[in-house]
């Protein structure tokens, strides 16, 4: 698995801007991410670039949840501050994960049956990483929402 993962990560590290741009085009046009359509890409693309540049560390970390949380809490805060609904952020992360594999497939990293077997193992690890990311982003959104509700108590209209 390590040999294929290294190839995949090398491609991502060497083409960070290209993969990030493809992902940006996808989220800025996808009907499931309408809030991103008018959002300046400079608000979200740097997080994808940072993730792709650090994928080796994250991928091979013994405690990936802790490592990924560092990268994506700021992303969650930025998207929350921009008013992007949580379901759209989650779908944007799904598209990010998908673009890793689309780019790998486009660059013909899967040449042999051994490559395919190692790819499946790498896909499973990447899915696990994104499961952690999605969980931490959703958790941060929940914290921010709770804090906002506490800071602004609801005002109910006087009865009748």
N, C-alpha and C. Protein backbone atom coordinates (compact mmCIF):
# COMPACT_ATOMS: atom_id res chain seq x y z
N UNK A 1 0.84 -1.19 0.00
CA UNK A 1 0.00 0.00 0.00
C UNK A 1 0.88 1.25 0.00
N UNK A 2 1.97 1.22 0.74
CA UNK A 2 2.81 2.42 0.87
C UNK A 2 3.34 2.88 -0.48
N UNK A 3 3.74 1.94 -1.34
CA UNK A 3 4.30 2.33 -2.64
C UNK A 3 3.26 3.08 -3.47
N UNK A 4 2.05 2.57 -3.52
CA UNK A 4 1.02 3.27 -4.29
C UNK A 4 0.65 4.58 -3.62
N UNK A 5 0.51 4.57 -2.31
CA UNK A 5 0.17 5.80 -1.60
C UNK A 5 1.23 6.86 -1.85
N UNK A 6 2.48 6.46 -1.85
CA UNK A 6 3.55 7.42 -2.14
C UNK A 6 3.40 8.00 -3.55
N UNK A 7 3.06 7.16 -4.52
CA UNK A 7 2.84 7.66 -5.89
C UNK A 7 1.69 8.65 -5.93
N UNK A 8 0.61 8.29 -5.28
CA UNK A 8 -0.57 9.16 -5.23
C UNK A 8 -0.23 10.49 -4.57
N UNK A 9 0.44 10.42 -3.44
CA UNK A 9 0.78 11.63 -2.69
C UNK A 9 1.77 12.48 -3.47
N UNK A 10 2.73 11.84 -4.13
CA UNK A 10 3.68 12.59 -4.98
C UNK A 10 2.94 13.38 -6.05
N UNK A 11 1.97 12.73 -6.69
CA UNK A 11 1.19 13.41 -7.73
C UNK A 11 0.43 14.59 -7.13
N UNK A 12 -0.19 14.39 -5.98
CA UNK A 12 -0.94 15.48 -5.34
C UNK A 12 -0.02 16.63 -4.93
N UNK A 13 1.13 16.29 -4.37
CA UNK A 13 2.07 17.33 -3.96
C UNK A 13 2.60 18.11 -5.16
N UNK A 14 2.85 17.41 -6.25
CA UNK A 14 3.40 18.06 -7.44
C UNK A 14 2.36 18.81 -8.26
N UNK A 15 1.09 18.54 -8.00
CA UNK A 15 0.01 19.16 -8.78
C UNK A 15 -1.06 19.77 -7.86
N UNK A 16 -0.63 20.24 -6.71
CA UNK A 16 -1.55 20.80 -5.71
C UNK A 16 -2.45 21.87 -6.30
N UNK A 17 -1.86 22.82 -7.00
CA UNK A 17 -2.65 23.94 -7.54
C UNK A 17 -3.65 23.44 -8.58
N UNK A 18 -3.22 22.50 -9.41
CA UNK A 18 -4.10 21.99 -10.46
C UNK A 18 -5.30 21.22 -9.87
N UNK A 19 -5.03 20.35 -8.90
CA UNK A 19 -6.12 19.60 -8.28
C UNK A 19 -7.05 20.54 -7.52
N UNK A 20 -6.47 21.51 -6.83
CA UNK A 20 -7.27 22.48 -6.08
C UNK A 20 -8.14 23.31 -7.01
N UNK A 21 -7.59 23.70 -8.16
CA UNK A 21 -8.36 24.47 -9.14
C UNK A 21 -9.51 23.64 -9.71
N UNK A 22 -9.25 22.39 -10.01
CA UNK A 22 -10.32 21.52 -10.51
C UNK A 22 -11.42 21.37 -9.47
N UNK A 23 -11.02 21.20 -8.21
CA UNK A 23 -12.00 21.10 -7.14
C UNK A 23 -12.79 22.40 -7.00
N UNK A 24 -12.09 23.53 -7.09
CA UNK A 24 -12.75 24.84 -6.99
C UNK A 24 -13.78 25.01 -8.10
N UNK A 25 -13.43 24.63 -9.31
CA UNK A 25 -14.40 24.72 -10.42
C UNK A 25 -15.61 23.84 -10.15
N UNK A 26 -15.37 22.68 -9.57
CA UNK A 26 -16.48 21.76 -9.28
C UNK A 26 -17.42 22.34 -8.23
N UNK A 27 -16.87 22.85 -7.11
CA UNK A 27 -17.76 23.36 -6.06
C UNK A 27 -18.42 24.67 -6.46
N UNK A 28 -17.77 25.42 -7.35
CA UNK A 28 -18.35 26.71 -7.75
C UNK A 28 -19.42 26.57 -8.82
N UNK A 29 -19.64 25.35 -9.30
CA UNK A 29 -20.67 25.14 -10.32
C UNK A 29 -21.66 24.02 -9.95
N UNK A 30 -21.35 23.24 -8.94
CA UNK A 30 -22.19 22.10 -8.61
C UNK A 30 -23.52 22.58 -8.00
N UNK A 31 -24.63 22.01 -8.44
CA UNK A 31 -25.93 22.43 -7.88
C UNK A 31 -26.09 22.11 -6.40
N UNK A 32 -25.27 21.21 -5.86
CA UNK A 32 -25.38 20.87 -4.44
C UNK A 32 -24.56 21.81 -3.55
N UNK A 33 -23.81 22.73 -4.18
CA UNK A 33 -22.98 23.67 -3.42
C UNK A 33 -23.23 25.10 -3.89
N UNK A 34 -24.48 25.56 -3.89
CA UNK A 34 -24.79 26.89 -4.44
C UNK A 34 -24.12 28.05 -3.69
N UNK A 35 -23.86 27.88 -2.41
CA UNK A 35 -23.21 28.97 -1.66
C UNK A 35 -21.79 29.23 -2.15
N UNK A 36 -21.16 28.23 -2.72
CA UNK A 36 -19.80 28.39 -3.24
C UNK A 36 -19.80 29.12 -4.59
N UNK A 37 -20.94 29.17 -5.27
CA UNK A 37 -20.99 29.77 -6.60
C UNK A 37 -20.57 31.24 -6.60
N UNK A 38 -20.95 31.95 -5.57
CA UNK A 38 -20.62 33.37 -5.49
C UNK A 38 -19.50 33.66 -4.49
N UNK A 39 -19.00 32.64 -3.86
CA UNK A 39 -17.95 32.81 -2.85
C UNK A 39 -16.59 32.93 -3.54
N UNK A 40 -15.80 33.89 -3.12
CA UNK A 40 -14.47 34.08 -3.67
C UNK A 40 -13.63 32.83 -3.37
N UNK A 41 -13.06 32.19 -4.40
CA UNK A 41 -12.26 30.98 -4.17
C UNK A 41 -11.10 31.18 -3.20
N UNK A 42 -10.65 32.41 -3.04
CA UNK A 42 -9.55 32.64 -2.10
C UNK A 42 -9.96 32.34 -0.66
N UNK A 43 -11.26 32.18 -0.42
CA UNK A 43 -11.75 31.86 0.93
C UNK A 43 -11.69 30.37 1.22
N UNK A 44 -11.62 29.52 0.16
CA UNK A 44 -11.63 28.09 0.43
C UNK A 44 -10.51 27.31 -0.25
N UNK A 45 -10.00 27.77 -1.38
CA UNK A 45 -8.95 27.04 -2.09
C UNK A 45 -7.68 26.87 -1.25
N UNK A 46 -7.24 27.88 -0.49
CA UNK A 46 -6.02 27.67 0.30
C UNK A 46 -6.09 26.47 1.27
N UNK A 47 -7.29 26.15 1.74
CA UNK A 47 -7.43 25.01 2.64
C UNK A 47 -7.22 23.70 1.89
N UNK A 48 -7.71 23.62 0.66
CA UNK A 48 -7.47 22.43 -0.16
C UNK A 48 -5.98 22.30 -0.47
N UNK A 49 -5.37 23.41 -0.83
CA UNK A 49 -3.93 23.38 -1.15
C UNK A 49 -3.12 22.94 0.07
N UNK A 50 -3.45 23.48 1.23
CA UNK A 50 -2.74 23.10 2.44
C UNK A 50 -2.92 21.61 2.73
N UNK A 51 -4.12 21.12 2.55
CA UNK A 51 -4.39 19.70 2.76
C UNK A 51 -3.58 18.85 1.80
N UNK A 52 -3.61 19.17 0.51
CA UNK A 52 -2.89 18.37 -0.48
C UNK A 52 -1.37 18.42 -0.23
N UNK A 53 -0.86 19.57 0.17
CA UNK A 53 0.58 19.69 0.43
C UNK A 53 1.01 18.90 1.67
N UNK A 54 0.09 18.68 2.56
CA UNK A 54 0.40 17.96 3.80
C UNK A 54 -0.19 16.57 3.85
N UNK A 55 -0.65 16.08 2.73
CA UNK A 55 -1.33 14.79 2.71
C UNK A 55 -0.42 13.65 3.19
N UNK A 56 0.86 13.70 2.87
CA UNK A 56 1.78 12.64 3.29
C UNK A 56 1.78 12.51 4.82
N UNK A 57 1.91 13.64 5.49
CA UNK A 57 1.92 13.63 6.96
C UNK A 57 0.59 13.10 7.50
N UNK A 58 -0.49 13.57 6.92
CA UNK A 58 -1.81 13.15 7.38
C UNK A 58 -2.07 11.68 7.09
N UNK A 59 -1.71 11.26 5.89
CA UNK A 59 -1.99 9.90 5.44
C UNK A 59 -1.28 8.86 6.31
N UNK A 60 -0.02 9.14 6.65
CA UNK A 60 0.77 8.17 7.39
C UNK A 60 0.78 8.42 8.90
N UNK A 61 -0.02 9.36 9.35
CA UNK A 61 -0.08 9.66 10.78
C UNK A 61 -0.71 8.49 11.54
N UNK A 62 -0.16 8.23 12.72
CA UNK A 62 -0.74 7.20 13.57
C UNK A 62 -2.06 7.67 14.18
N UNK A 63 -2.21 8.99 14.28
CA UNK A 63 -3.44 9.56 14.84
C UNK A 63 -3.99 10.59 13.84
N UNK A 64 -4.52 10.10 12.71
CA UNK A 64 -4.95 11.04 11.67
C UNK A 64 -6.06 11.98 12.11
N UNK A 65 -6.92 11.55 13.01
CA UNK A 65 -8.03 12.43 13.42
C UNK A 65 -7.48 13.72 14.00
N UNK A 66 -6.49 13.62 14.86
CA UNK A 66 -5.91 14.79 15.49
C UNK A 66 -5.24 15.69 14.45
N UNK A 67 -4.53 15.10 13.51
CA UNK A 67 -3.82 15.87 12.49
C UNK A 67 -4.80 16.58 11.55
N UNK A 68 -5.81 15.86 11.07
CA UNK A 68 -6.75 16.46 10.13
C UNK A 68 -7.58 17.55 10.77
N UNK A 69 -7.87 17.39 12.04
CA UNK A 69 -8.65 18.40 12.74
C UNK A 69 -7.95 19.74 12.69
N UNK A 70 -6.62 19.73 12.84
CA UNK A 70 -5.86 20.98 12.79
C UNK A 70 -6.09 21.73 11.48
N UNK A 71 -6.13 20.99 10.38
CA UNK A 71 -6.27 21.61 9.07
C UNK A 71 -7.68 22.10 8.81
N UNK A 72 -8.66 21.37 9.27
CA UNK A 72 -10.02 21.66 8.83
C UNK A 72 -10.87 22.45 9.82
N UNK A 73 -10.41 22.69 11.03
CA UNK A 73 -11.18 23.54 11.93
C UNK A 73 -11.23 24.96 11.39
N UNK A 74 -10.13 25.45 10.87
CA UNK A 74 -10.10 26.80 10.29
C UNK A 74 -10.99 26.86 9.05
N UNK A 75 -10.98 25.81 8.26
CA UNK A 75 -11.86 25.74 7.09
C UNK A 75 -13.32 25.82 7.54
N UNK A 76 -13.66 25.06 8.58
CA UNK A 76 -15.03 25.08 9.10
C UNK A 76 -15.40 26.48 9.56
N UNK A 77 -14.49 27.13 10.28
CA UNK A 77 -14.76 28.47 10.78
C UNK A 77 -14.93 29.46 9.63
N UNK A 78 -14.09 29.35 8.62
CA UNK A 78 -14.18 30.25 7.45
C UNK A 78 -15.51 30.06 6.72
N UNK A 79 -15.90 28.82 6.49
CA UNK A 79 -17.14 28.55 5.77
C UNK A 79 -18.36 28.94 6.61
N UNK A 80 -18.30 28.70 7.90
CA UNK A 80 -19.38 29.12 8.80
C UNK A 80 -19.52 30.63 8.75
N UNK A 81 -18.40 31.33 8.84
CA UNK A 81 -18.41 32.80 8.79
C UNK A 81 -18.92 33.33 7.47
N UNK A 82 -18.72 32.57 6.40
CA UNK A 82 -19.20 32.97 5.07
C UNK A 82 -20.67 32.62 4.88
N UNK A 83 -21.26 31.94 5.87
CA UNK A 83 -22.68 31.59 5.78
C UNK A 83 -22.96 30.36 4.92
N UNK A 84 -21.95 29.54 4.69
CA UNK A 84 -22.15 28.33 3.88
C UNK A 84 -22.79 27.27 4.78
N UNK A 85 -23.95 26.74 4.37
CA UNK A 85 -24.61 25.72 5.19
C UNK A 85 -23.76 24.45 5.30
N UNK A 86 -23.86 23.79 6.43
CA UNK A 86 -23.08 22.58 6.69
C UNK A 86 -23.24 21.51 5.61
N UNK A 87 -24.45 21.21 5.12
CA UNK A 87 -24.55 20.19 4.08
C UNK A 87 -23.72 20.52 2.82
N UNK A 88 -23.62 21.80 2.49
CA UNK A 88 -22.82 22.19 1.33
C UNK A 88 -21.33 22.02 1.61
N UNK A 89 -20.91 22.31 2.83
CA UNK A 89 -19.51 22.13 3.19
C UNK A 89 -19.15 20.65 3.13
N UNK A 90 -20.04 19.82 3.65
CA UNK A 90 -19.80 18.37 3.61
C UNK A 90 -19.73 17.89 2.16
N UNK A 91 -20.60 18.39 1.32
CA UNK A 91 -20.55 17.96 -0.08
C UNK A 91 -19.27 18.48 -0.76
N UNK A 92 -18.83 19.67 -0.40
CA UNK A 92 -17.58 20.20 -0.95
C UNK A 92 -16.41 19.30 -0.55
N UNK A 93 -16.41 18.81 0.67
CA UNK A 93 -15.36 17.88 1.10
C UNK A 93 -15.45 16.56 0.35
N UNK A 94 -16.67 16.11 0.09
CA UNK A 94 -16.86 14.90 -0.71
C UNK A 94 -16.28 15.10 -2.11
N UNK A 95 -16.53 16.27 -2.68
CA UNK A 95 -15.95 16.58 -3.99
C UNK A 95 -14.43 16.64 -3.94
N UNK A 96 -13.89 17.15 -2.84
CA UNK A 96 -12.43 17.20 -2.70
C UNK A 96 -11.86 15.78 -2.72
N UNK A 97 -12.47 14.91 -1.95
CA UNK A 97 -12.04 13.50 -1.92
C UNK A 97 -12.14 12.89 -3.31
N UNK A 98 -13.25 13.15 -3.98
CA UNK A 98 -13.46 12.60 -5.32
C UNK A 98 -12.41 13.11 -6.30
N UNK A 99 -12.04 14.37 -6.17
CA UNK A 99 -11.06 14.93 -7.11
C UNK A 99 -9.66 14.35 -6.92
N UNK A 100 -9.35 13.88 -5.74
CA UNK A 100 -8.08 13.17 -5.55
C UNK A 100 -8.05 11.96 -6.48
N UNK A 101 -9.13 11.20 -6.48
CA UNK A 101 -9.15 9.95 -7.26
C UNK A 101 -9.35 10.22 -8.74
N UNK A 102 -10.10 11.24 -9.09
CA UNK A 102 -10.23 11.60 -10.50
C UNK A 102 -8.88 12.00 -11.07
N UNK A 103 -8.13 12.76 -10.30
CA UNK A 103 -6.82 13.21 -10.76
C UNK A 103 -5.86 12.03 -10.87
N UNK A 104 -5.90 11.13 -9.89
CA UNK A 104 -5.04 9.94 -9.92
C UNK A 104 -5.40 9.07 -11.13
N UNK A 105 -6.67 8.89 -11.37
CA UNK A 105 -7.11 8.08 -12.50
C UNK A 105 -6.70 8.73 -13.82
N UNK A 106 -6.87 10.04 -13.90
CA UNK A 106 -6.50 10.78 -15.11
C UNK A 106 -5.00 10.68 -15.38
N UNK A 107 -4.20 10.63 -14.32
CA UNK A 107 -2.75 10.53 -14.45
C UNK A 107 -2.26 9.09 -14.54
N UNK A 108 -3.17 8.16 -14.72
CA UNK A 108 -2.88 6.75 -14.96
C UNK A 108 -1.94 6.16 -13.91
N UNK A 109 -2.32 6.33 -12.68
CA UNK A 109 -1.53 5.72 -11.61
C UNK A 109 -1.86 4.24 -11.45
N UNK A 110 -3.00 3.81 -11.99
CA UNK A 110 -3.41 2.42 -11.86
C UNK A 110 -3.02 1.66 -13.12
N UNK A 111 -1.85 1.03 -13.12
CA UNK A 111 -1.38 0.35 -14.32
C UNK A 111 -1.49 -1.16 -14.23
N UNK A 112 -1.26 -1.71 -13.06
CA UNK A 112 -1.26 -3.16 -12.91
C UNK A 112 -2.33 -3.58 -11.92
N UNK A 113 -2.54 -4.89 -11.83
CA UNK A 113 -3.52 -5.37 -10.84
C UNK A 113 -3.02 -5.10 -9.43
N UNK A 114 -1.69 -5.12 -9.22
CA UNK A 114 -1.15 -4.76 -7.91
C UNK A 114 -1.45 -3.30 -7.61
N UNK A 115 -1.29 -2.43 -8.61
CA UNK A 115 -1.64 -1.02 -8.42
C UNK A 115 -3.11 -0.89 -8.02
N UNK A 116 -3.97 -1.64 -8.67
CA UNK A 116 -5.40 -1.58 -8.36
C UNK A 116 -5.66 -2.04 -6.93
N UNK A 117 -5.01 -3.11 -6.51
CA UNK A 117 -5.18 -3.61 -5.14
C UNK A 117 -4.70 -2.56 -4.14
N UNK A 118 -3.52 -1.99 -4.40
CA UNK A 118 -3.00 -0.96 -3.50
C UNK A 118 -3.87 0.29 -3.55
N UNK A 119 -4.45 0.57 -4.71
CA UNK A 119 -5.34 1.72 -4.83
C UNK A 119 -6.56 1.55 -3.93
N UNK A 120 -7.10 0.34 -3.91
CA UNK A 120 -8.26 0.07 -3.05
C UNK A 120 -7.90 0.32 -1.59
N UNK A 121 -6.73 -0.14 -1.18
CA UNK A 121 -6.29 0.10 0.20
C UNK A 121 -6.11 1.60 0.46
N UNK A 122 -5.56 2.29 -0.52
CA UNK A 122 -5.36 3.74 -0.37
C UNK A 122 -6.69 4.48 -0.34
N UNK A 123 -7.63 4.02 -1.16
CA UNK A 123 -8.96 4.63 -1.16
C UNK A 123 -9.60 4.47 0.21
N UNK A 124 -9.48 3.28 0.79
CA UNK A 124 -10.05 3.06 2.11
C UNK A 124 -9.43 3.98 3.15
N UNK A 125 -8.13 4.17 3.08
CA UNK A 125 -7.45 5.06 4.04
C UNK A 125 -7.89 6.51 3.82
N UNK A 126 -8.00 6.90 2.55
CA UNK A 126 -8.42 8.27 2.24
C UNK A 126 -9.86 8.51 2.69
N UNK A 127 -10.71 7.54 2.48
CA UNK A 127 -12.10 7.67 2.94
C UNK A 127 -12.14 7.83 4.45
N UNK A 128 -11.33 7.05 5.16
CA UNK A 128 -11.26 7.18 6.61
C UNK A 128 -10.81 8.59 7.00
N UNK A 129 -9.79 9.10 6.31
CA UNK A 129 -9.32 10.46 6.60
C UNK A 129 -10.45 11.47 6.42
N UNK A 130 -11.19 11.36 5.32
CA UNK A 130 -12.27 12.31 5.06
C UNK A 130 -13.43 12.10 6.02
N UNK A 131 -13.66 10.88 6.47
CA UNK A 131 -14.68 10.67 7.50
C UNK A 131 -14.32 11.46 8.75
N UNK A 132 -13.06 11.43 9.14
CA UNK A 132 -12.60 12.21 10.29
C UNK A 132 -12.77 13.71 10.04
N UNK A 133 -12.40 14.13 8.83
CA UNK A 133 -12.51 15.55 8.48
C UNK A 133 -13.97 16.00 8.57
N UNK A 134 -14.85 15.25 7.96
CA UNK A 134 -16.27 15.61 7.96
C UNK A 134 -16.81 15.66 9.38
N UNK A 135 -16.42 14.70 10.19
CA UNK A 135 -16.87 14.70 11.59
C UNK A 135 -16.37 15.94 12.32
N UNK A 136 -15.10 16.28 12.16
CA UNK A 136 -14.57 17.43 12.89
C UNK A 136 -15.16 18.74 12.38
N UNK A 137 -15.42 18.83 11.07
CA UNK A 137 -16.05 20.04 10.53
C UNK A 137 -17.48 20.16 11.07
N UNK A 138 -18.23 19.07 11.06
CA UNK A 138 -19.61 19.11 11.58
C UNK A 138 -19.61 19.45 13.07
N UNK A 139 -18.66 18.90 13.79
CA UNK A 139 -18.57 19.19 15.22
C UNK A 139 -18.26 20.68 15.45
N UNK A 140 -17.36 21.24 14.64
CA UNK A 140 -17.02 22.66 14.80
C UNK A 140 -18.21 23.54 14.44
N UNK A 141 -18.95 23.19 13.39
CA UNK A 141 -20.16 23.93 13.03
C UNK A 141 -21.14 23.92 14.20
N UNK A 142 -21.30 22.77 14.82
CA UNK A 142 -22.21 22.66 15.96
C UNK A 142 -21.76 23.57 17.10
N UNK A 143 -20.46 23.57 17.39
CA UNK A 143 -19.94 24.44 18.45
C UNK A 143 -20.19 25.91 18.13
N UNK A 144 -19.93 26.30 16.88
CA UNK A 144 -20.13 27.69 16.47
C UNK A 144 -21.60 28.08 16.54
N UNK A 145 -22.47 27.17 16.15
CA UNK A 145 -23.91 27.43 16.20
C UNK A 145 -24.38 27.58 17.64
N UNK A 146 -23.93 26.69 18.49
CA UNK A 146 -24.31 26.77 19.91
C UNK A 146 -23.81 28.07 20.54
N UNK A 147 -22.58 28.45 20.20
CA UNK A 147 -22.02 29.70 20.74
C UNK A 147 -22.83 30.90 20.25
N UNK A 148 -23.22 30.88 18.99
CA UNK A 148 -24.02 31.98 18.44
C UNK A 148 -25.39 32.05 19.11
N UNK A 149 -25.97 30.90 19.38
CA UNK A 149 -27.29 30.88 20.04
C UNK A 149 -27.19 31.36 21.48
N UNK A 150 -26.11 31.04 22.14
CA UNK A 150 -25.91 31.48 23.52
C UNK A 150 -25.66 32.98 23.56
N UNK A 151 -24.93 33.48 22.58
CA UNK A 151 -24.60 34.90 22.55
C UNK A 151 -25.80 35.77 22.19
N UNK A 152 -26.73 35.24 21.44
CA UNK A 152 -27.91 35.98 21.00
C UNK A 152 -29.16 35.25 21.46
N UNK A 153 -29.60 35.49 22.67
CA UNK A 153 -30.82 34.79 23.12
C UNK A 153 -32.00 35.19 22.24
N UNK A 154 -32.84 34.21 22.00
CA UNK A 154 -34.01 34.46 21.17
C UNK A 154 -34.96 35.43 21.86
N UNK A 155 -35.52 36.30 21.09
CA UNK A 155 -36.52 37.23 21.61
C UNK A 155 -37.86 36.81 21.05
N UNK A 156 -38.73 36.42 21.93
CA UNK A 156 -40.07 35.98 21.52
C UNK A 156 -41.01 37.18 21.55
N UNK A 157 -41.86 37.29 20.58
CA UNK A 157 -42.81 38.41 20.60
C UNK A 157 -43.77 38.28 21.79
N UNK A 158 -44.15 39.41 22.31
CA UNK A 158 -45.10 39.42 23.43
C UNK A 158 -46.43 38.87 22.95
N UNK A 159 -47.07 38.07 23.79
CA UNK A 159 -48.38 37.53 23.37
C UNK A 159 -49.40 38.64 23.19
N UNK A 160 -50.20 38.45 22.24
CA UNK A 160 -51.19 39.22 21.90
C UNK A 160 -52.01 40.25 21.84
